[in-house]
C-alpha atoms as a PDB file:
ATOM      1  CA  MET A   1       2.535 -37.232 108.377  1.00  0.00           C
ATOM      2  CA  LYS A   2       1.655 -34.212 106.346  1.00  0.00           C
ATOM      3  CA  ASN A   3       5.281 -33.636 105.303  1.00  0.00           C
ATOM      4  CA  GLU A   4       5.804 -37.309 104.525  1.00  0.00           C
ATOM      5  CA  ASP A   5       2.757 -37.348 102.282  1.00  0.00           C
ATOM      6  CA  LYS A   6       4.014 -34.278 100.453  1.00  0.00           C
ATOM      7  CA  ILE A   7       7.456 -35.871 100.024  1.00  0.00           C
ATOM      8  CA  ILE A   8       5.897 -39.067  98.659  1.00  0.00           C
ATOM      9  CA  GLU A   9       3.733 -37.038  96.293  1.00  0.00           C
ATOM     10  CA  LEU A  10       6.753 -35.082  95.028  1.00  0.00           C
ATOM     11  CA  LEU A  11       8.800 -38.260  94.599  1.00  0.00           C
ATOM     12  CA  ALA A  12       5.983 -39.901  92.641  1.00  0.00           C
ATOM     13  CA  GLU A  13       5.747 -36.846  90.408  1.00  0.00           C
ATOM     14  CA  MET A  14       9.512 -36.923  89.867  1.00  0.00           C
ATOM     15  CA  VAL A  15       9.399 -40.602  88.896  1.00  0.00           C
ATOM     16  CA  HIS A  16       6.523 -39.917  86.512  1.00  0.00           C
ATOM     17  CA  ASN A  17       8.389 -37.010  84.905  1.00  0.00           C
ATOM     18  CA  GLN A  18      11.520 -39.152  84.648  1.00  0.00           C
ATOM     19  CA  ASP A  19       9.510 -41.833  82.803  1.00  0.00           C
ATOM     20  CA  ILE A  20       8.244 -39.197  80.363  1.00  0.00           C
ATOM     21  CA  THR A  21      11.786 -37.905  79.866  1.00  0.00           C
ATOM     22  CA  ASN A  22      13.065 -41.442  79.237  1.00  0.00           C
ATOM     23  CA  GLN A  23      10.360 -42.059  76.631  1.00  0.00           C
ATOM     24  CA  LYS A  24      11.222 -38.812  74.877  1.00  0.00           C
ATOM     25  CA  LEU A  25      14.901 -39.738  74.949  1.00  0.00           C
ATOM     26  CA  ASP A  26      14.166 -43.170  73.469  1.00  0.00           C
ATOM     27  CA  ASN A  27      12.149 -41.555  70.670  1.00  0.00           C
ATOM     28  CA  LEU A  28      14.947 -39.077  70.035  1.00  0.00           C
ATOM     29  CA  GLU A  29      17.531 -41.880  69.864  1.00  0.00           C
ATOM     30  CA  LYS A  30      15.388 -43.719  67.311  1.00  0.00           C
ATOM     31  CA  ARG A  31      15.046 -40.574  65.204  1.00  0.00           C
ATOM     32  CA  VAL A  32      18.784 -39.945  65.352  1.00  0.00           C
ATOM     33  CA  GLY A  33      19.417 -43.538  64.259  1.00  0.00           C
ATOM     34  CA  LYS A  34      17.086 -43.143  61.288  1.00  0.00           C
ATOM     35  CA  THR A  35      18.692 -39.826  60.414  1.00  0.00           C
ATOM     36  CA  GLU A  36      22.155 -41.396  60.508  1.00  0.00           C
ATOM     37  CA  LYS A  37      21.020 -44.153  58.140  1.00  0.00           C
ATOM     38  CA  GLU A  38      19.487 -41.609  55.767  1.00  0.00           C
ATOM     39  CA  LEU A  39      22.659 -39.530  55.921  1.00  0.00           C
ATOM     40  CA  ALA A  40      24.780 -42.561  55.043  1.00  0.00           C
ATOM     41  CA  LYS A  41      22.533 -43.279  52.041  1.00  0.00           C
ATOM     42  CA  THR A  42      22.687 -39.648  50.961  1.00  0.00           C
ATOM     43  CA  ASN A  43      26.471 -39.624  51.236  1.00  0.00           C
ATOM     44  CA  ALA A  44      26.692 -42.767  49.113  1.00  0.00           C
ATOM     45  CA  GLN A  45      24.429 -41.207  46.486  1.00  0.00           C
ATOM     46  CA  LEU A  46      26.513 -38.031  46.530  1.00  0.00           C
ATOM     47  CA  ALA A  47      29.685 -40.028  45.976  1.00  0.00           C
ATOM     48  CA  GLU A  48      28.049 -41.886  43.093  1.00  0.00           C
ATOM     49  CA  HIS A  49      26.855 -38.638  41.524  1.00  0.00           C
ATOM     50  CA  SER A  50      30.296 -37.091  41.925  1.00  0.00           C
ATOM     51  CA  ARG A  51      31.894 -40.021  40.093  1.00  0.00           C
ATOM     52  CA  ALA A  52      29.292 -39.764  37.336  1.00  0.00           C
ATOM     53  CA  ILE A  53      29.953 -36.039  36.962  1.00  0.00           C
ATOM     54  CA  LEU A  54      33.698 -36.642  36.704  1.00  0.00           C
ATOM     55  CA  LYS A  55      33.161 -39.315  34.040  1.00  0.00           C
ATOM     56  CA  LEU A  56      30.868 -36.988  32.134  1.00  0.00           C
ATOM     57  CA  ALA A  57      33.437 -34.191  32.346  1.00  0.00           C
ATOM     58  CA  ASP A  58      36.091 -36.527  30.940  1.00  0.00           C
ATOM     59  CA  LYS A  59      33.838 -37.500  28.046  1.00  0.00           C
ATOM     60  CA  LEU A  60      32.984 -33.873  27.399  1.00  0.00           C
ATOM     61  CA  GLU A  61      36.671 -33.028  27.332  1.00  0.00           C
ATOM     62  CA  LEU A  62      37.242 -35.789  24.758  1.00  0.00           C
ATOM     63  CA  VAL A  63      34.443 -34.413  22.573  1.00  0.00           C
ATOM     64  CA  VAL A  64      35.827 -30.888  22.773  1.00  0.00           C
ATOM     65  CA  ASP A  65      39.341 -32.122  21.975  1.00  0.00           C
ATOM     66  CA  HIS A  66      37.989 -34.111  19.036  1.00  0.00           C
ATOM     67  CA  GLU A  67      36.193 -31.041  17.733  1.00  0.00           C
ATOM     68  CA  LYS A  68      39.385 -28.968  18.042  1.00  0.00           C
ATOM     69  CA  ARG A  69      41.396 -31.587  16.131  1.00  0.00           C
ATOM     70  CA  THR A  70      38.742 -31.790  13.454  1.00  0.00           C
ATOM     71  CA  SER A  71      38.821 -28.019  13.086  1.00  0.00           C
ATOM     72  CA  LEU A  72      42.589 -28.080  12.715  1.00  0.00           C
ATOM     73  CA  LEU A  73      42.387 -30.730  10.014  1.00  0.00           C
ATOM     74  CA  GLU A  74      39.830 -28.756   8.038  1.00  0.00           C
END
């Protein structure tokens, strides 16, 4: 009986620890999901900023070209 009681006690402890591990895993999965959503938003913002920078560079190039042409005319 003594060994059986010890086995039951160890099994109960294992089940308890497995429950704790499962809870931690669930929390980790939720955090990863949130992180993935935030990463997708960040990537979209980065793409938008990149397009804006390219447009700004094009406009800046037009201004510089205009200034060069004006200088040539003067």
